[in-house]
């Protein structure tokens, strides 16, 4: 056997063995387990949030408006005016669906419980 034939033989054996190696699910041949989580949020609650979002059409931070089509999102242009010699927002008003401090505290508490259990 010359060098070319030995390389071809090795490549053929490797190519035939590769699908068998890929079919193994885990080192112990047990199927992998996906963690199941439960949530207090129901499917109806999620659909209600989605409907409210579609009706509002504004991102939660209030910076983008949903347009759809090829554009998808467009930035909301702010309007300014000069009042008493100062440039001020005319259209600025906090959104009802903007993140709140209590949401941040709740997220921090959940993260502590998840990543640093007592």
Protein backbone atom coordinates (compact mmCIF):
# COMPACT_ATOMS: atom_id res chain seq x y z
CA UNK A 1 0.00 0.00 0.00
CA UNK A 2 1.38 3.33 -0.91
CA UNK A 3 0.85 6.60 0.92
CA UNK A 4 -2.17 7.70 -1.14
CA UNK A 5 -4.01 4.41 -0.58
CA UNK A 6 -3.41 4.48 3.17
CA UNK A 7 -4.75 8.04 3.43
CA UNK A 8 -7.81 7.05 1.37
CA UNK A 9 -8.41 3.97 3.54
CA UNK A 10 -8.14 6.01 6.76
CA UNK A 11 -10.50 8.68 5.40
CA UNK A 12 -13.07 6.07 4.35
CA UNK A 13 -13.04 4.37 7.76
CA UNK A 14 -13.34 7.74 9.53
CA UNK A 15 -16.20 8.85 7.24
CA UNK A 16 -18.10 5.64 7.93
CA UNK A 17 -17.56 5.87 11.70
CA UNK A 18 -18.50 9.55 12.00
CA UNK A 19 -22.32 9.12 11.84
CA UNK A 20 -22.12 6.54 14.62
CA UNK A 21 -20.23 8.97 16.82
CA UNK A 22 -22.70 11.76 16.11
CA UNK A 23 -25.68 9.54 16.98
CA UNK A 24 -24.52 9.07 20.58
CA UNK A 25 -26.67 11.32 22.77
CA UNK A 26 -24.40 11.49 25.78
CA UNK A 27 -21.35 9.74 27.19
CA UNK A 28 -23.65 7.51 29.25
CA UNK A 29 -26.04 6.90 26.32
CA UNK A 30 -28.92 8.39 28.29
CA UNK A 31 -31.15 10.94 26.57
CA UNK A 32 -30.50 14.48 27.68
CA UNK A 33 -32.94 15.99 30.13
CA UNK A 34 -34.37 19.46 29.55
CA UNK A 35 -35.25 21.28 32.73
CA UNK A 36 -38.97 22.00 32.99
CA UNK A 37 -39.87 25.26 34.66
CA UNK A 38 -43.19 26.49 35.90
CA UNK A 39 -44.40 30.04 35.80
CA UNK A 40 -47.12 31.96 37.55
CA UNK A 41 -47.87 33.74 34.25
CA UNK A 42 -50.60 32.02 32.30
CA UNK A 43 -50.92 31.84 28.55
CA UNK A 44 -53.93 34.18 28.74
CA UNK A 45 -51.80 36.78 30.58
CA UNK A 46 -49.11 36.59 27.91
CA UNK A 47 -51.67 36.97 25.13
CA UNK A 48 -53.18 39.95 26.94
CA UNK A 49 -49.73 41.59 27.15
CA UNK A 50 -49.15 40.91 23.46
CA UNK A 51 -52.49 42.45 22.53
CA UNK A 52 -51.72 45.53 24.65
CA UNK A 53 -48.32 45.84 22.97
CA UNK A 54 -49.82 45.56 19.50
CA UNK A 55 -52.42 48.18 20.36
CA UNK A 56 -49.81 50.57 21.77
CA UNK A 57 -47.17 49.82 19.12
CA UNK A 58 -44.42 51.43 21.20
CA UNK A 59 -41.39 49.71 22.74
CA UNK A 60 -41.26 49.44 26.52
CA UNK A 61 -38.58 52.13 26.76
CA UNK A 62 -40.60 54.48 24.54
CA UNK A 63 -37.82 55.01 22.00
CA UNK A 64 -39.25 53.06 19.05
CA UNK A 65 -42.60 52.72 17.30
CA UNK A 66 -43.71 49.51 15.56
CA UNK A 67 -44.29 50.18 11.87
CA UNK A 68 -44.13 46.69 10.38
CA UNK A 69 -43.28 45.86 6.79
CA UNK A 70 -39.63 46.21 5.84
CA UNK A 71 -38.94 48.95 8.39
CA UNK A 72 -40.29 47.05 11.45
CA UNK A 73 -39.23 49.61 14.07
CA UNK A 74 -38.66 53.33 13.62
CA UNK A 75 -37.19 55.67 16.20
CA UNK A 76 -39.63 58.11 17.74
CA UNK A 77 -38.45 61.61 16.94
CA UNK A 78 -38.44 63.95 19.91
CA UNK A 79 -39.71 67.47 19.59
CA UNK A 80 -37.88 70.33 21.22
CA UNK A 81 -38.68 73.97 21.81
CA UNK A 82 -36.85 76.88 23.35
CA UNK A 83 -38.53 78.00 26.56
CA UNK A 84 -37.03 80.73 28.68
CA UNK A 85 -33.83 80.45 26.71
CA UNK A 86 -33.50 76.71 27.35
CA UNK A 87 -33.98 73.83 24.94
CA UNK A 88 -36.63 71.49 26.42
CA UNK A 89 -38.54 68.41 25.38
CA UNK A 90 -42.07 69.22 24.28
CA UNK A 91 -43.41 65.69 23.96
CA UNK A 92 -41.65 64.06 26.90
CA UNK A 93 -43.92 62.13 29.24
CA UNK A 94 -43.02 58.94 31.08
CA UNK A 95 -44.73 55.94 29.53
CA UNK A 96 -47.04 53.73 31.54
CA UNK A 97 -45.20 50.61 30.39
CA UNK A 98 -41.69 51.92 31.12
CA UNK A 99 -39.60 49.88 33.60
CA UNK A 100 -40.14 50.87 37.21
CA UNK A 101 -37.95 50.72 40.31
CA UNK A 102 -40.11 48.01 41.90
CA UNK A 103 -39.62 45.84 38.79
CA UNK A 104 -35.85 46.23 39.18
CA UNK A 105 -36.00 45.25 42.85
CA UNK A 106 -38.14 42.23 42.00
CA UNK A 107 -35.70 41.17 39.26
CA UNK A 108 -32.76 41.54 41.65
CA UNK A 109 -34.55 39.41 44.26
CA UNK A 110 -35.34 36.71 41.70
CA UNK A 111 -31.73 36.71 40.47
CA UNK A 112 -30.43 36.33 44.04
CA UNK A 113 -32.81 33.41 44.67
CA UNK A 114 -31.83 31.75 41.39
CA UNK A 115 -28.06 32.19 41.42
CA UNK A 116 -27.30 32.47 45.15
CA UNK A 117 -29.69 30.18 47.00
CA UNK A 118 -29.49 30.28 50.78
